[in-house]
């Protein structure tokens, strides 16, 4: 085990401090710019090393005490030792650096960061579970920085309180079950009026275990589901029927979803994000809009309320079916949905050959590089790009500006994951 003294000069993309030892970068978990510290080297690589703070010699004036007692051990959060305003500044800097280094672009104007509730916001997540014989308990938590290990949590302040304040109770519940060694994870999924827990059970559960799960659900008003095999095997244990849904209030839209469906993690931020996307699109009643990677219709259906026609495209057939059902449920008739693998060239498919006034992109972390090989078509003069990874956004921004003749007019961060290093952002391009 090697210790060394370092001076941290910046933060990297995952919220760790950056120092240098003999010219080699050292990424320091728990370190802040301006701090000197004794660190323990935890991993060595050719171009950089990894380390953790063992002793602070000088403290940054920005440093605050983390709210969570598990901060530093749990890998769920990386920035609780920074005030909220400084977290935003760090994320804005990362976005700007990615635009300049990767895309060779810069926005004409920076948008004010979108923020919302900073604690108890996480309505979607996956808790790992591991029975540890030596401790005589079930560990329930996110993975540690070393993903081989499950953090031993008793509480989580970023999860919805209905779950985050019951981590210890979940550990006790699983520890009391016959199948304590065969519960692998718990998927959390919450709508506006219900919170569901999906237990991944690797074996069929005995009646006694089923009754314990049902009693836990009743006591804490949590819907309990089981997943004995793949995603299609998910089924309710209690109650028999579970109706998960959330509203986009400004648009008068309500979306129903299944427990394993993708939804935006932060409900309050989702409201603000949809409103900003619609504002930046500058939608008009005569517009024909294309929404790619549309999911359940999170953007598609609110946009439909304001335009002549909107087309949503998504690779997951189940999500496409539920998006169409949501349109019908909301009385929306001017939205059409298609299932298509957007990682492949779809240039010859009819929906891709239609003329669109505006384009909305909300791709996964890998970005929209394949789509930008054949879109946007002539006549599409305005694009709003919602991003969950600044590197892929910057790359695609370079393509839109340098190959397709667009300007990067506005861009800004959206703090979808407070206290983590995730950088969510939104950008407006005009031809």
Protein backbone atom coordinates (compact mmCIF):
# COMPACT_ATOMS: atom_id res chain seq x y z
CA UNK A 1 0.00 0.00 0.00
CA UNK A 2 1.61 3.25 -1.14
CA UNK A 3 0.95 6.72 0.25
CA UNK A 4 2.02 9.99 -1.31
CA UNK A 5 1.44 13.71 -0.88
CA UNK A 6 -0.35 15.54 -3.69
CA UNK A 7 -1.86 18.92 -4.52
CA UNK A 8 -5.21 18.81 -6.31
CA UNK A 9 -5.60 21.38 -9.08
CA UNK A 10 -8.94 20.53 -10.76
CA UNK A 11 -11.86 18.11 -10.96
CA UNK A 12 -12.24 15.50 -13.67
CA UNK A 13 -15.40 14.28 -15.41
CA UNK A 14 -16.32 11.82 -12.65
CA UNK A 15 -15.93 14.27 -9.76
CA UNK A 16 -12.49 13.16 -8.61
CA UNK A 17 -9.68 15.61 -7.94
CA UNK A 18 -6.80 15.74 -10.43
CA UNK A 19 -3.23 15.93 -9.16
CA UNK A 20 0.16 15.14 -10.69
CA UNK A 21 3.05 13.13 -9.30
CA UNK A 22 6.24 13.25 -11.38
CA UNK A 23 4.16 14.42 -14.33
CA UNK A 24 1.67 11.53 -14.13
CA UNK A 25 -2.00 12.27 -13.49
CA UNK A 26 -3.49 10.98 -10.24
CA UNK A 27 -7.29 10.92 -9.89
CA UNK A 28 -8.09 11.45 -6.23
CA UNK A 29 -11.47 10.38 -4.84
CA UNK A 30 -12.59 12.94 -2.26
CA UNK A 31 -10.06 15.61 -3.28
CA UNK A 32 -10.99 19.20 -4.19
CA UNK A 33 -9.05 21.83 -6.14
CA UNK A 34 -6.60 23.74 -3.95
CA UNK A 35 -6.21 20.97 -1.38
CA UNK A 36 -3.02 19.24 -0.31
CA UNK A 37 -3.51 15.72 0.94
CA UNK A 38 -1.88 12.44 1.80
CA UNK A 39 -3.47 9.92 -0.56
CA UNK A 40 -3.44 6.15 -0.84
CA UNK A 41 -2.79 4.78 -4.32
CA UNK A 42 -5.57 2.30 -5.10
CA UNK A 43 -4.78 1.43 -8.74
CA UNK A 44 -2.01 2.05 -11.26
CA UNK A 45 -2.43 2.44 -15.01
CA UNK A 46 -0.08 3.38 -17.81
CA UNK A 47 -1.22 7.01 -18.16
CA UNK A 48 -2.73 7.69 -14.73
CA UNK A 49 -3.09 6.41 -11.18
CA UNK A 50 -6.11 6.28 -8.88
CA UNK A 51 -6.09 7.28 -5.23
CA UNK A 52 -8.22 8.11 -2.19
CA UNK A 53 -7.70 10.85 0.36
CA UNK A 54 -6.29 9.51 3.63
CA UNK A 55 -5.49 12.83 5.33
CA UNK A 56 -6.21 16.42 4.35
CA UNK A 57 -3.25 18.74 4.95
CA UNK A 58 -5.07 21.84 3.67
CA UNK A 59 -8.82 22.14 3.12
CA UNK A 60 -10.59 23.90 0.27
CA UNK A 61 -12.80 26.78 1.34
CA UNK A 62 -15.52 25.12 -0.74
CA UNK A 63 -15.48 21.88 1.22
CA UNK A 64 -18.60 21.04 3.24
CA UNK A 65 -19.54 18.03 5.33
CA UNK A 66 -21.32 15.38 3.31
CA UNK A 67 -24.89 14.77 4.43
CA UNK A 68 -24.65 11.02 3.94
CA UNK A 69 -22.71 8.92 6.48
CA UNK A 70 -21.75 6.54 3.65
CA UNK A 71 -20.18 9.19 1.40
CA UNK A 72 -16.75 8.09 0.24
CA UNK A 73 -17.59 4.39 0.46
CA UNK A 74 -20.75 4.22 -1.63
CA UNK A 75 -20.26 4.83 -5.34
CA UNK A 76 -23.68 6.43 -5.76
CA UNK A 77 -22.49 10.00 -5.14
CA UNK A 78 -19.17 11.70 -5.85
CA UNK A 79 -19.76 15.38 -5.01
CA UNK A 80 -21.57 15.68 -1.68
CA UNK A 81 -18.51 17.46 -0.26
CA UNK A 82 -19.17 20.40 -2.62
CA UNK A 83 -21.97 22.97 -2.22
CA UNK A 84 -24.73 22.73 -4.83
CA UNK A 85 -23.63 25.91 -6.63
CA UNK A 86 -20.06 24.62 -6.96
CA UNK A 87 -21.34 21.29 -8.29
CA UNK A 88 -23.16 23.17 -11.05
CA UNK A 89 -20.07 25.22 -11.87
CA UNK A 90 -18.00 22.03 -12.14
CA UNK A 91 -20.52 20.46 -14.50
CA UNK A 92 -20.72 23.61 -16.63
CA UNK A 93 -16.93 23.60 -16.91
CA UNK A 94 -16.91 19.95 -18.01
CA UNK A 95 -19.53 20.67 -20.68
CA UNK A 96 -17.61 23.70 -21.98
CA UNK A 97 -14.33 21.75 -22.09
CA UNK A 98 -15.96 18.92 -24.03
CA UNK A 99 -17.42 21.32 -26.59
CA UNK A 100 -14.04 22.95 -27.17
CA UNK A 101 -11.80 19.86 -27.08
CA UNK A 102 -13.99 17.32 -28.84
CA UNK A 103 -16.44 19.26 -31.00
CA UNK A 104 -14.30 22.36 -31.60
CA UNK A 105 -17.45 24.43 -31.03
CA UNK A 106 -18.73 26.98 -28.54
CA UNK A 107 -22.34 28.08 -27.95
CA UNK A 108 -23.34 31.63 -28.76
CA UNK A 109 -25.08 31.83 -25.37
CA UNK A 110 -24.97 29.75 -22.18
CA UNK A 111 -28.29 28.82 -20.62
CA UNK A 112 -28.85 29.21 -16.90
CA UNK A 113 -28.53 25.77 -15.33
CA UNK A 114 -31.77 23.94 -14.61
CA UNK A 115 -32.01 22.75 -11.01
CA UNK A 116 -34.67 21.25 -8.78
CA UNK A 117 -34.91 19.23 -5.58
CA UNK A 118 -31.41 18.14 -4.52
CA UNK A 119 -32.34 15.42 -2.00
CA UNK A 120 -34.84 12.58 -2.09
CA UNK A 121 -35.23 13.03 -5.84
CA UNK A 122 -34.30 9.64 -7.23
CA UNK A 123 -37.44 7.76 -8.31
CA UNK A 124 -35.61 5.15 -10.39
CA UNK A 125 -32.63 3.05 -9.40
CA UNK A 126 -31.15 -0.36 -8.79
CA UNK A 127 -29.90 -1.51 -5.40
CA UNK A 128 -27.54 -4.47 -5.33
CA UNK A 129 -28.05 -7.13 -2.66
CA UNK A 130 -25.48 -9.51 -1.19
CA UNK A 131 -25.73 -11.78 1.83
CA UNK A 132 -22.43 -11.67 3.76
CA UNK A 133 -22.06 -14.64 6.08
CA UNK A 134 -19.26 -13.10 8.15
CA UNK A 135 -21.39 -10.04 8.90
CA UNK A 136 -24.55 -12.06 9.31
CA UNK A 137 -26.49 -9.53 7.24
CA UNK A 138 -27.69 -8.67 3.77
CA UNK A 139 -25.89 -5.69 2.23
CA UNK A 140 -28.35 -3.50 0.32
CA UNK A 141 -26.93 -0.55 -1.59
CA UNK A 142 -25.26 0.85 -4.64
CA UNK A 143 -21.90 -0.49 -5.74
CA UNK A 144 -18.74 0.90 -4.17
CA UNK A 145 -16.12 2.66 -6.31
CA UNK A 146 -14.80 -0.85 -6.84
CA UNK A 147 -17.88 -2.37 -8.53
CA UNK A 148 -17.10 -5.84 -7.20
CA UNK A 149 -18.36 -4.76 -3.79
CA UNK A 150 -21.78 -3.67 -2.54
CA UNK A 151 -21.79 -0.65 -0.23
CA UNK A 152 -23.13 -1.44 3.23
CA UNK A 153 -25.84 1.23 3.48
CA UNK A 154 -28.31 2.04 6.22
CA UNK A 155 -29.80 5.11 4.51
CA UNK A 156 -29.70 6.98 1.19
CA UNK A 157 -30.59 10.66 0.97
CA UNK A 158 -30.81 10.83 -2.83
CA UNK A 159 -33.42 8.08 -3.19
CA UNK A 160 -37.06 8.88 -2.61
CA UNK A 161 -37.61 8.87 1.18
CA UNK A 162 -40.10 5.99 0.80
CA UNK A 163 -37.08 3.82 -0.08
CA UNK A 164 -34.00 5.77 1.00
CA UNK A 165 -35.07 5.86 4.64
CA UNK A 166 -35.83 2.13 4.59
CA UNK A 167 -32.52 0.67 3.44
CA UNK A 168 -31.84 -0.81 6.89
CA UNK A 169 -35.36 -2.27 6.97
CA UNK A 170 -34.81 -3.85 3.55
CA UNK A 171 -31.55 -5.36 4.78
CA UNK A 172 -33.33 -6.80 7.81
CA UNK A 173 -36.18 -8.12 5.64
CA UNK A 174 -33.87 -9.95 3.23
CA UNK A 175 -31.71 -11.24 6.09
CA UNK A 176 -34.81 -12.88 7.58
CA UNK A 177 -35.70 -14.75 4.37
CA UNK A 178 -34.87 -18.35 3.50
CA UNK A 179 -33.76 -17.06 0.07
CA UNK A 180 -31.42 -14.44 1.54
CA UNK A 181 -28.58 -15.72 -0.67
CA UNK A 182 -30.72 -15.74 -3.81
CA UNK A 183 -32.00 -12.13 -3.82
CA UNK A 184 -29.65 -10.37 -6.24
CA UNK A 185 -31.02 -6.85 -6.57
CA UNK A 186 -33.97 -4.55 -6.00
CA UNK A 187 -35.19 -2.31 -8.80
CA UNK A 188 -36.88 0.89 -7.63
CA UNK A 189 -39.52 2.51 -9.81
CA UNK A 190 -41.88 5.25 -8.70
CA UNK A 191 -44.74 7.11 -10.29
CA UNK A 192 -46.57 10.12 -8.91
CA UNK A 193 -48.80 7.99 -6.66
CA UNK A 194 -47.03 4.66 -6.14
CA UNK A 195 -43.57 3.26 -5.42
CA UNK A 196 -42.68 -0.22 -6.67
CA UNK A 197 -39.86 -2.55 -5.63
CA UNK A 198 -38.90 -5.36 -8.00
CA UNK A 199 -37.00 -8.15 -6.19
CA UNK A 200 -34.76 -10.22 -8.45
CA UNK A 201 -35.18 -13.72 -7.02
CA UNK A 202 -32.84 -16.37 -8.38
CA UNK A 203 -34.97 -19.23 -7.01
CA UNK A 204 -38.68 -19.76 -6.46
CA UNK A 205 -39.60 -18.30 -3.07
CA UNK A 206 -41.12 -20.32 -0.25
CA UNK A 207 -44.51 -19.28 1.07
CA UNK A 208 -42.98 -17.89 4.26
CA UNK A 209 -40.73 -15.56 2.23
CA UNK A 210 -43.64 -14.45 0.07
CA UNK A 211 -45.64 -13.58 3.15
CA UNK A 212 -42.73 -11.55 4.57
CA UNK A 213 -42.46 -9.55 1.34
CA UNK A 214 -46.20 -8.90 1.27
CA UNK A 215 -46.19 -7.82 4.93
CA UNK A 216 -43.30 -5.42 4.21
CA UNK A 217 -45.15 -3.92 1.26
CA UNK A 218 -48.32 -3.42 3.29
CA UNK A 219 -46.48 -1.93 6.27
CA UNK A 220 -44.60 0.63 4.16
CA UNK A 221 -47.17 1.15 1.37
CA UNK A 222 -44.79 -0.18 -1.29
CA UNK A 223 -45.82 -2.30 -4.27
CA UNK A 224 -43.83 -5.56 -4.32
CA UNK A 225 -42.97 -7.40 -7.54
CA UNK A 226 -40.81 -10.42 -8.32
CA UNK A 227 -38.45 -11.06 -11.22
CA UNK A 228 -37.49 -14.76 -11.30
CA UNK A 229 -35.87 -14.62 -14.76
CA UNK A 230 -35.55 -11.98 -17.48
CA UNK A 231 -37.36 -8.62 -17.71
CA UNK A 232 -40.49 -10.27 -19.14
CA UNK A 233 -40.85 -12.40 -16.01
CA UNK A 234 -41.64 -9.41 -13.74
CA UNK A 235 -44.99 -9.87 -12.02
CA UNK A 236 -46.77 -8.30 -9.04
CA UNK A 237 -46.84 -10.00 -5.67
CA UNK A 238 -48.76 -7.30 -3.82
CA UNK A 239 -51.08 -5.69 -4.74
CA UNK A 240 -52.37 -7.74 -7.66
CA UNK A 241 -52.64 -4.68 -9.93
CA UNK A 242 -50.03 -1.89 -10.01
CA UNK A 243 -50.64 1.31 -11.96
CA UNK A 244 -47.48 3.37 -12.34
CA UNK A 245 -47.84 6.76 -14.01
CA UNK A 246 -46.52 10.31 -13.92
CA UNK A 247 -47.77 13.58 -15.30
CA UNK A 248 -46.21 16.32 -17.40
CA UNK A 249 -48.34 18.92 -15.69
CA UNK A 250 -47.78 21.95 -17.92
CA UNK A 251 -48.92 19.94 -20.94
CA UNK A 252 -51.78 18.07 -19.29
CA UNK A 253 -50.21 14.72 -20.22
CA UNK A 254 -50.05 11.56 -18.09
CA UNK A 255 -47.76 8.66 -18.96
CA UNK A 256 -48.23 5.10 -17.75
CA UNK A 257 -45.19 2.82 -17.56
CA UNK A 258 -43.99 -0.58 -16.38
CA UNK A 259 -41.57 -0.96 -13.46
CA UNK A 260 -38.53 -1.75 -15.61
CA UNK A 261 -39.24 0.91 -18.26
CA UNK A 262 -36.82 3.79 -18.64
CA UNK A 263 -38.08 7.02 -17.11
CA UNK A 264 -36.16 10.14 -16.13
CA UNK A 265 -34.74 9.70 -12.64
CA UNK A 266 -35.65 13.12 -11.24
CA UNK A 267 -39.37 13.91 -11.47
CA UNK A 268 -39.08 17.63 -10.77
CA UNK A 269 -36.22 18.07 -13.21
CA UNK A 270 -38.16 16.17 -15.85
CA UNK A 271 -40.94 18.78 -15.67
CA UNK A 272 -38.42 21.57 -16.14
CA UNK A 273 -36.51 19.75 -18.86
CA UNK A 274 -39.59 19.09 -20.99
CA UNK A 275 -40.66 22.72 -20.64
CA UNK A 276 -37.20 23.95 -21.68
CA UNK A 277 -37.03 21.60 -24.66
CA UNK A 278 -40.41 22.84 -25.91
CA UNK A 279 -39.31 26.45 -25.39
CA UNK A 280 -36.07 25.93 -27.33
CA UNK A 281 -37.85 24.06 -30.14
CA UNK A 282 -40.08 27.14 -30.52
CA UNK A 283 -42.89 24.87 -31.64
CA UNK A 284 -45.64 26.31 -33.84
CA UNK A 285 -49.11 24.99 -34.56
CA UNK A 286 -48.12 24.17 -38.15
CA UNK A 287 -44.92 22.26 -37.30
CA UNK A 288 -44.12 18.67 -38.20
CA UNK A 289 -41.64 17.44 -35.56
CA UNK A 290 -39.45 14.33 -35.36
CA UNK A 291 -38.59 13.01 -31.87
CA UNK A 292 -35.84 10.38 -31.91
CA UNK A 293 -35.15 8.01 -28.98
CA UNK A 294 -38.64 8.93 -27.80
CA UNK A 295 -39.14 6.23 -25.14
CA UNK A 296 -42.60 6.40 -23.58
CA UNK A 297 -43.34 9.73 -25.28
CA UNK A 298 -41.90 11.91 -22.51
CA UNK A 299 -41.27 14.72 -25.02
CA UNK A 300 -43.42 13.49 -27.91
CA UNK A 301 -46.80 13.82 -26.26
CA UNK A 302 -46.27 17.28 -24.70
CA UNK A 303 -44.99 18.46 -28.10
CA UNK A 304 -48.06 16.94 -29.78
CA UNK A 305 -50.28 19.29 -27.79
CA UNK A 306 -48.70 22.23 -29.63
CA UNK A 307 -47.95 21.12 -33.21
CA UNK A 308 -49.66 19.78 -36.31
CA UNK A 309 -47.90 16.41 -36.19
CA UNK A 310 -45.12 14.65 -34.31
CA UNK A 311 -43.36 11.37 -35.05
CA UNK A 312 -41.65 9.44 -32.27
CA UNK A 313 -39.03 6.75 -32.99
CA UNK A 314 -37.58 4.34 -30.42
CA UNK A 315 -35.66 1.07 -30.52
CA UNK A 316 -37.48 -0.69 -27.69
CA UNK A 317 -40.68 -2.24 -29.07
CA UNK A 318 -42.31 -2.35 -25.63
CA UNK A 319 -41.72 1.36 -25.07
CA UNK A 320 -43.10 2.15 -28.54
CA UNK A 321 -46.27 0.20 -27.75
CA UNK A 322 -46.70 2.00 -24.44
CA UNK A 323 -46.03 5.39 -26.08
CA UNK A 324 -48.86 4.70 -28.54
CA UNK A 325 -51.11 3.60 -25.66
CA UNK A 326 -50.25 6.78 -23.78
CA UNK A 327 -51.20 8.85 -26.82
CA UNK A 328 -54.60 7.13 -26.97
CA UNK A 329 -55.10 7.47 -23.20
CA UNK A 330 -54.45 11.22 -23.46
CA UNK A 331 -56.70 11.69 -26.49
CA UNK A 332 -53.75 12.64 -28.72
CA UNK A 333 -54.29 11.76 -32.37
CA UNK A 334 -51.48 13.68 -34.09
CA UNK A 335 -48.61 11.56 -32.72
CA UNK A 336 -47.35 8.47 -34.54
CA UNK A 337 -44.70 6.05 -33.27
CA UNK A 338 -42.27 3.70 -34.98
CA UNK A 339 -39.89 1.04 -33.65
CA UNK A 340 -36.45 1.26 -35.25
CA UNK A 341 -32.87 0.47 -34.30
CA UNK A 342 -31.33 3.94 -34.39
CA UNK A 343 -27.83 2.53 -34.11
CA UNK A 344 -28.29 1.43 -37.74
CA UNK A 345 -28.80 3.56 -40.83
CA UNK A 346 -32.54 4.13 -41.33
CA UNK A 347 -32.22 6.53 -44.28
CA UNK A 348 -34.43 4.45 -46.58
CA UNK A 349 -37.27 3.97 -44.08
CA UNK A 350 -40.38 6.06 -44.90
CA UNK A 351 -40.45 8.03 -41.62
CA UNK A 352 -36.84 9.15 -42.16
CA UNK A 353 -37.60 10.49 -45.65
CA UNK A 354 -40.43 12.76 -44.59
CA UNK A 355 -39.91 16.52 -44.28
CA UNK A 356 -39.66 17.78 -40.70
CA UNK A 357 -39.54 21.36 -39.52
CA UNK A 358 -37.82 20.52 -36.24
CA UNK A 359 -35.88 17.64 -34.72
CA UNK A 360 -35.60 16.56 -31.09
CA UNK A 361 -32.82 14.17 -30.08
CA UNK A 362 -32.58 12.44 -26.69
CA UNK A 363 -30.04 9.66 -27.31
CA UNK A 364 -28.33 7.27 -24.87
CA UNK A 365 -24.78 7.89 -23.66
CA UNK A 366 -23.34 6.80 -27.01
CA UNK A 367 -25.00 9.77 -28.73
CA UNK A 368 -26.59 10.12 -32.15
CA UNK A 369 -23.64 9.70 -34.55
CA UNK A 370 -25.42 7.09 -36.69
CA UNK A 371 -28.55 9.23 -37.03
CA UNK A 372 -26.50 12.24 -38.13
CA UNK A 373 -25.26 10.27 -41.13
CA UNK A 374 -28.66 10.71 -42.80
CA UNK A 375 -30.43 13.40 -40.75
CA UNK A 376 -31.31 16.24 -40.55
CA UNK A 377 -32.84 16.56 -44.01
CA UNK A 378 -33.21 19.79 -45.94
CA UNK A 379 -35.97 21.89 -44.38
CA UNK A 380 -35.14 20.96 -40.79
CA UNK A 381 -33.81 24.23 -39.46
CA UNK A 382 -33.99 23.76 -35.69
CA UNK A 383 -32.68 20.94 -33.50
CA UNK A 384 -32.87 20.46 -29.74
CA UNK A 385 -30.45 17.88 -28.39
CA UNK A 386 -30.97 16.47 -24.86
CA UNK A 387 -27.82 14.75 -23.65
CA UNK A 388 -26.77 12.47 -20.79
CA UNK A 389 -23.08 12.47 -21.80
CA UNK A 390 -21.12 15.66 -22.61
CA UNK A 391 -18.54 13.84 -24.72
CA UNK A 392 -21.02 12.40 -27.21
CA UNK A 393 -22.96 15.68 -27.32
CA UNK A 394 -19.74 17.56 -28.11
CA UNK A 395 -18.85 15.09 -30.87
CA UNK A 396 -22.32 15.35 -32.42
CA UNK A 397 -22.30 19.14 -32.06
CA UNK A 398 -19.13 19.20 -34.14
CA UNK A 399 -20.90 17.13 -36.81
CA UNK A 400 -23.96 19.39 -36.87
CA UNK A 401 -21.87 22.57 -37.05
CA UNK A 402 -19.04 21.52 -39.34
CA UNK A 403 -20.83 19.07 -41.66
CA UNK A 404 -24.50 20.08 -41.63
CA UNK A 405 -24.14 23.85 -41.45
CA UNK A 406 -25.81 24.51 -38.09
CA UNK A 407 -24.88 26.97 -35.34
CA UNK A 408 -24.70 25.96 -31.70
CA UNK A 409 -26.94 28.75 -30.45
CA UNK A 410 -27.54 27.84 -26.80
CA UNK A 411 -26.42 25.16 -24.36
CA UNK A 412 -26.56 24.52 -20.63
CA UNK A 413 -26.53 21.86 -17.96
CA UNK A 414 -29.54 20.28 -16.26
CA UNK A 415 -28.84 18.87 -12.81
CA UNK A 416 -30.77 15.63 -13.19
CA UNK A 417 -28.47 13.83 -10.71
CA UNK A 418 -27.46 16.21 -7.88
CA UNK A 419 -24.39 15.17 -5.86
CA UNK A 420 -23.21 12.83 -8.62
CA UNK A 421 -20.80 13.58 -11.45
CA UNK A 422 -23.41 12.89 -14.15
CA UNK A 423 -23.63 15.84 -16.55
CA UNK A 424 -27.01 16.15 -18.26
CA UNK A 425 -27.34 18.99 -20.74
CA UNK A 426 -29.43 20.50 -23.49
CA UNK A 427 -28.40 22.32 -26.66
CA UNK A 428 -30.14 24.28 -29.42
CA UNK A 429 -28.88 24.22 -33.01
CA UNK A 430 -30.14 26.47 -35.80
CA UNK A 431 -29.28 26.16 -39.47
